Amino acid sequence: MSTLGPAMTLASENEWLDEIAKALRLDRSAVEEILRRHGIKAQAIAPRARKVGFTSISFAGVKEEDASSTPFQFDWQDLGTGLWAVMSDVNSRGKSSILNILKAALQGDFPKDIKPDVWRWLSRIVVELRIDQVAYRVSVEKQSGDQSTIAGVARLSRRLDDHWTILYEGDLFGLKGHVEALFMEELGFAKIHAVNEAGTPYEHSWPAVASALAIGGNAESKALFG
């Protein structure tokens, strides 16, 4: 892969193509064919920066352990810009579960990294966020005690004035595609086309971008976004 320096300003798409051909020592026609095949196009202007932030998270269910059943409810409202932390003085208080629920909502992928026992206990999840000044809500409702990864009803909604409009309502599997389409469109992202070592083409889309927004604490975490 070859990159053009950040200080370089090109007046036209033709100049852009010529610079790529020069850097790669290829004919202009070969460069055009490679870019066409992978859906890569020149972008005339820099994209407008957009801001994404969580504004609230709430969930409820019934914690079942041994012979006991304990209803629980978590409600964290009025989140805004700044640095927020989830802390406790002992382990097994749900810190990771809160972050994993936020991560699942960001990708529209439930239960994702939510632990199986926590997923079984949950009956309702509601996460609200903003893209610039537009509010969105991701919610899931299921029966507490059901550990199935396909059970439940998912919704993706957008608020206009004081009214919530449902953009998607259906099973958990369908939520992922709608969340992906929403973020790719709202944030102005294009799918990234690549080829693996075996020569097989594939593409990166919202799941890859969203995973880079979460930094885990284990050895498997390879994504860092800044």
Protein backbone atom coordinates (compact mmCIF):
# COMPACT_ATOMS: atom_id res chain seq x y z
CA MET A 1 0.00 0.00 0.00
CA SER A 2 1.27 3.47 -0.80
CA THR A 3 0.16 6.69 0.84
CA LEU A 4 0.46 10.25 -0.29
CA GLY A 5 1.82 12.72 2.22
CA PRO A 6 -0.72 14.68 4.34
CA ALA A 7 0.74 17.98 3.13
CA MET A 8 0.21 17.14 -0.53
CA THR A 9 -2.68 18.98 -2.17
CA LEU A 10 -3.88 17.66 -5.53
CA ALA A 11 -6.05 19.80 -7.77
CA SER A 12 -7.85 17.01 -9.59
CA GLU A 13 -8.68 13.32 -9.65
CA ASN A 14 -6.30 12.89 -12.59
CA GLU A 15 -3.40 14.22 -10.55
CA TRP A 16 -4.38 11.88 -7.72
CA LEU A 17 -4.32 8.90 -10.09
CA ASP A 18 -1.01 9.99 -11.59
CA GLU A 19 0.60 10.25 -8.16
CA ILE A 20 -0.58 6.75 -7.21
CA ALA A 21 0.71 5.32 -10.50
CA LYS A 22 4.04 7.03 -9.95
CA ALA A 23 4.37 5.83 -6.37
CA LEU A 24 3.50 2.23 -7.31
CA ARG A 25 5.40 2.29 -10.61
CA LEU A 26 2.33 1.11 -12.52
CA ASP A 27 0.57 2.28 -15.64
CA ARG A 28 -2.28 4.70 -15.08
CA SER A 29 -4.73 2.20 -16.61
CA ALA A 30 -3.65 -0.50 -14.16
CA VAL A 31 -4.23 1.83 -11.20
CA GLU A 32 -7.69 2.75 -12.48
CA GLU A 33 -8.62 -0.93 -12.85
CA ILE A 34 -7.44 -1.81 -9.33
CA LEU A 35 -9.36 1.09 -7.78
CA ARG A 36 -12.47 0.32 -9.83
CA ARG A 37 -12.37 -3.35 -8.82
CA HIS A 38 -12.26 -2.45 -5.13
CA GLY A 39 -14.76 0.39 -5.30
CA ILE A 40 -12.26 3.09 -4.31
CA LYS A 41 -13.03 6.60 -5.52
CA ALA A 42 -11.40 9.98 -5.07
CA GLN A 43 -13.05 12.16 -2.44
CA ALA A 44 -13.18 15.80 -3.40
CA ILE A 45 -13.50 17.24 0.10
CA ALA A 46 -12.69 16.08 3.60
CA PRO A 47 -15.69 14.56 5.41
CA ARG A 48 -17.38 16.58 8.12
CA ALA A 49 -16.47 15.47 11.61
CA ARG A 50 -19.38 14.00 13.54
CA LYS A 51 -19.71 13.27 17.24
CA VAL A 52 -21.15 10.11 18.76
CA GLY A 53 -21.90 9.81 22.46
CA PHE A 54 -23.99 7.68 24.80
CA THR A 55 -26.64 9.60 26.76
CA SER A 56 -28.16 6.85 28.91
CA ILE A 57 -28.20 3.12 29.65
CA SER A 58 -30.75 1.13 31.58
CA PHE A 59 -31.48 -2.56 31.99
CA ALA A 60 -33.50 -4.85 34.24
CA GLY A 61 -34.08 -8.52 34.91
CA VAL A 62 -34.03 -11.23 37.52
CA LYS A 63 -30.78 -12.64 38.90
CA GLU A 64 -31.19 -16.36 39.52
CA GLU A 65 -28.56 -18.12 41.60
CA ASP A 66 -29.02 -21.48 43.30
CA ALA A 67 -32.48 -21.31 44.90
CA SER A 68 -32.76 -17.51 45.03
CA SER A 69 -34.21 -15.02 42.56
CA THR A 70 -33.43 -11.32 42.92
CA PRO A 71 -34.97 -8.66 40.67
CA PHE A 72 -32.53 -5.93 39.64
CA GLN A 73 -32.65 -2.66 37.76
CA PHE A 74 -29.87 -0.33 36.60
CA ASP A 75 -30.55 3.18 35.32
CA TRP A 76 -27.81 5.65 34.34
CA GLN A 77 -29.17 8.83 32.80
CA ASP A 78 -27.83 12.22 31.70
CA LEU A 79 -24.54 11.03 30.29
CA GLY A 80 -22.81 13.77 28.35
CA THR A 81 -19.43 14.82 27.08
CA GLY A 82 -16.45 14.12 29.29
CA LEU A 83 -14.82 11.13 30.93
CA TRP A 84 -17.03 8.61 32.72
CA ALA A 85 -15.95 5.64 34.83
CA VAL A 86 -17.67 2.51 36.13
CA MET A 87 -16.11 1.43 39.42
CA SER A 88 -16.75 -0.66 42.53
CA ASP A 89 -14.73 -1.69 45.56
CA VAL A 90 -15.26 -5.41 44.91
CA ASN A 91 -15.53 -7.72 41.91
CA SER A 92 -18.67 -9.24 40.33
CA ARG A 93 -20.74 -6.08 40.55
CA GLY A 94 -21.52 -5.72 36.84
CA LYS A 95 -18.89 -3.24 35.62
CA SER A 96 -17.96 -5.35 32.61
CA SER A 97 -21.62 -6.09 31.89
CA ILE A 98 -22.40 -2.36 31.63
CA LEU A 99 -19.58 -1.80 29.16
CA ASN A 100 -20.44 -4.93 27.17
CA ILE A 101 -24.07 -3.84 26.86
CA LEU A 102 -22.92 -0.46 25.52
CA LYS A 103 -20.60 -2.21 23.07
CA ALA A 104 -23.39 -4.54 21.89
CA ALA A 105 -25.73 -1.57 21.36
CA LEU A 106 -23.08 0.32 19.40
CA GLN A 107 -22.77 -2.63 17.01
CA GLY A 108 -26.40 -3.72 17.17
CA ASP A 109 -25.08 -7.18 18.00
CA PHE A 110 -26.72 -8.91 21.00
CA PRO A 111 -25.72 -10.72 23.12
CA LYS A 112 -22.19 -10.21 21.69
CA ASP A 113 -19.79 -10.10 24.69
CA ILE A 114 -22.52 -10.15 27.35
CA LYS A 115 -21.83 -13.15 29.57
CA PRO A 116 -24.29 -16.05 29.09
CA ASP A 117 -25.54 -15.96 32.68
CA VAL A 118 -26.07 -12.18 32.57
CA TRP A 119 -27.87 -12.49 29.22
CA ARG A 120 -30.13 -15.14 30.76
CA TRP A 121 -31.04 -12.84 33.67
CA LEU A 122 -31.83 -9.79 31.52
CA SER A 123 -35.35 -8.93 30.39
CA ARG A 124 -34.97 -5.33 29.15
CA ILE A 125 -32.12 -3.22 27.75
CA VAL A 126 -32.39 0.41 26.61
CA VAL A 127 -29.40 2.40 25.35
CA GLU A 128 -29.70 5.94 24.05
CA LEU A 129 -27.05 7.83 22.10
CA ARG A 130 -26.57 10.86 19.93
CA ILE A 131 -24.98 11.34 16.54
CA ASP A 132 -24.33 15.08 16.59
CA GLN A 133 -27.67 16.41 17.83
CA VAL A 134 -29.87 13.53 16.65
CA ALA A 135 -30.98 11.07 19.34
CA TYR A 136 -31.22 7.33 18.73
CA ARG A 137 -32.34 4.45 20.90
CA VAL A 138 -31.42 0.75 20.80
CA SER A 139 -33.64 -1.51 22.92
CA VAL A 140 -34.10 -5.22 23.50
CA GLU A 141 -36.90 -7.01 25.33
CA LYS A 142 -36.84 -10.71 26.20
CA GLN A 143 -38.03 -13.13 28.84
CA SER A 144 -35.83 -13.28 31.92
CA GLY A 145 -34.46 -16.82 32.19
CA ASP A 146 -34.26 -17.31 28.42
CA GLN A 147 -30.64 -17.80 27.38
CA SER A 148 -31.32 -18.13 23.65
CA THR A 149 -29.25 -15.83 21.46
CA ILE A 150 -32.16 -15.32 19.07
CA ALA A 151 -35.00 -14.73 21.54
CA GLY A 152 -36.38 -11.27 22.09
CA VAL A 153 -37.60 -8.22 20.21
CA ALA A 154 -35.13 -5.51 19.19
CA ARG A 155 -35.88 -1.93 18.19
CA LEU A 156 -33.90 0.90 16.67
CA SER A 157 -35.56 4.31 17.01
CA ARG A 158 -34.84 7.93 16.20
CA ARG A 159 -36.26 10.93 18.04
CA LEU A 160 -37.67 13.84 16.10
CA ASP A 161 -38.76 16.65 18.43
CA ASP A 162 -40.37 14.70 21.28
CA HIS A 163 -41.55 11.75 19.21
CA TRP A 164 -39.68 8.47 18.76
CA THR A 165 -39.91 6.92 15.30
CA ILE A 166 -39.17 3.20 15.00
CA LEU A 167 -36.62 2.53 12.26
CA TYR A 168 -36.50 -1.22 12.88
CA GLU A 169 -38.50 -3.66 14.98
CA GLY A 170 -37.87 -7.38 14.82
CA ASP A 171 -35.50 -10.12 15.86
CA LEU A 172 -31.98 -9.63 17.18
CA PHE A 173 -30.38 -10.89 13.98
CA GLY A 174 -31.94 -8.14 11.87
CA LEU A 175 -30.93 -5.36 14.28
CA LYS A 176 -27.24 -5.66 13.39
CA GLY A 177 -27.71 -4.78 9.72
CA HIS A 178 -29.92 -1.78 10.47
CA VAL A 179 -27.50 -0.37 13.05
CA GLU A 180 -24.65 -0.85 10.56
CA ALA A 181 -26.53 0.98 7.80
CA LEU A 182 -27.44 3.80 10.18
CA PHE A 183 -23.91 4.48 11.38
CA MET A 184 -22.27 4.08 7.97
CA GLU A 185 -24.71 6.60 6.50
CA GLU A 186 -24.76 9.07 9.38
CA LEU A 187 -20.99 9.08 9.87
CA GLY A 188 -20.22 9.15 6.16
CA PHE A 189 -18.12 5.96 6.15
CA ALA A 190 -17.47 3.87 3.06
CA LYS A 191 -16.78 0.16 3.20
CA ILE A 192 -13.08 -0.68 3.10
CA HIS A 193 -12.16 -3.28 0.50
CA ALA A 194 -9.13 -5.49 1.02
CA VAL A 195 -7.58 -8.76 -0.08
CA ASN A 196 -6.20 -11.38 2.30
CA GLU A 197 -2.97 -13.35 1.88
CA ALA A 198 -4.79 -16.04 -0.10
CA GLY A 199 -5.95 -13.44 -2.60
CA THR A 200 -9.60 -13.53 -1.48
CA PRO A 201 -11.32 -10.11 -1.52
CA TYR A 202 -13.34 -9.04 1.50
CA GLU A 203 -14.62 -5.83 3.03
CA HIS A 204 -14.56 -4.08 6.38
CA SER A 205 -17.71 -2.27 7.43
CA TRP A 206 -19.27 -0.93 10.65
CA PRO A 207 -18.38 -3.94 12.87
CA ALA A 208 -14.67 -3.30 12.26
CA VAL A 209 -15.00 0.44 12.84
CA ALA A 210 -17.16 0.00 15.96
CA SER A 211 -14.77 -2.54 17.46
CA ALA A 212 -12.03 0.08 17.26
CA LEU A 213 -14.08 2.33 19.54
CA ALA A 214 -13.85 -0.16 22.42
CA ILE A 215 -10.57 -0.92 24.16
CA GLY A 216 -10.65 -4.09 26.25
CA GLY A 217 -8.33 -5.10 29.04
CA ASN A 218 -7.41 -8.58 27.90
CA ALA A 219 -4.73 -9.91 25.60
CA GLU A 220 -7.22 -10.34 22.74
CA SER A 221 -7.77 -6.59 22.42
CA LYS A 222 -5.93 -5.41 19.33
CA ALA A 223 -7.93 -2.34 18.40
CA LEU A 224 -7.00 1.15 19.52
CA PHE A 225 -8.78 4.21 18.18
CA GLY A 226 -7.79 7.80 18.73
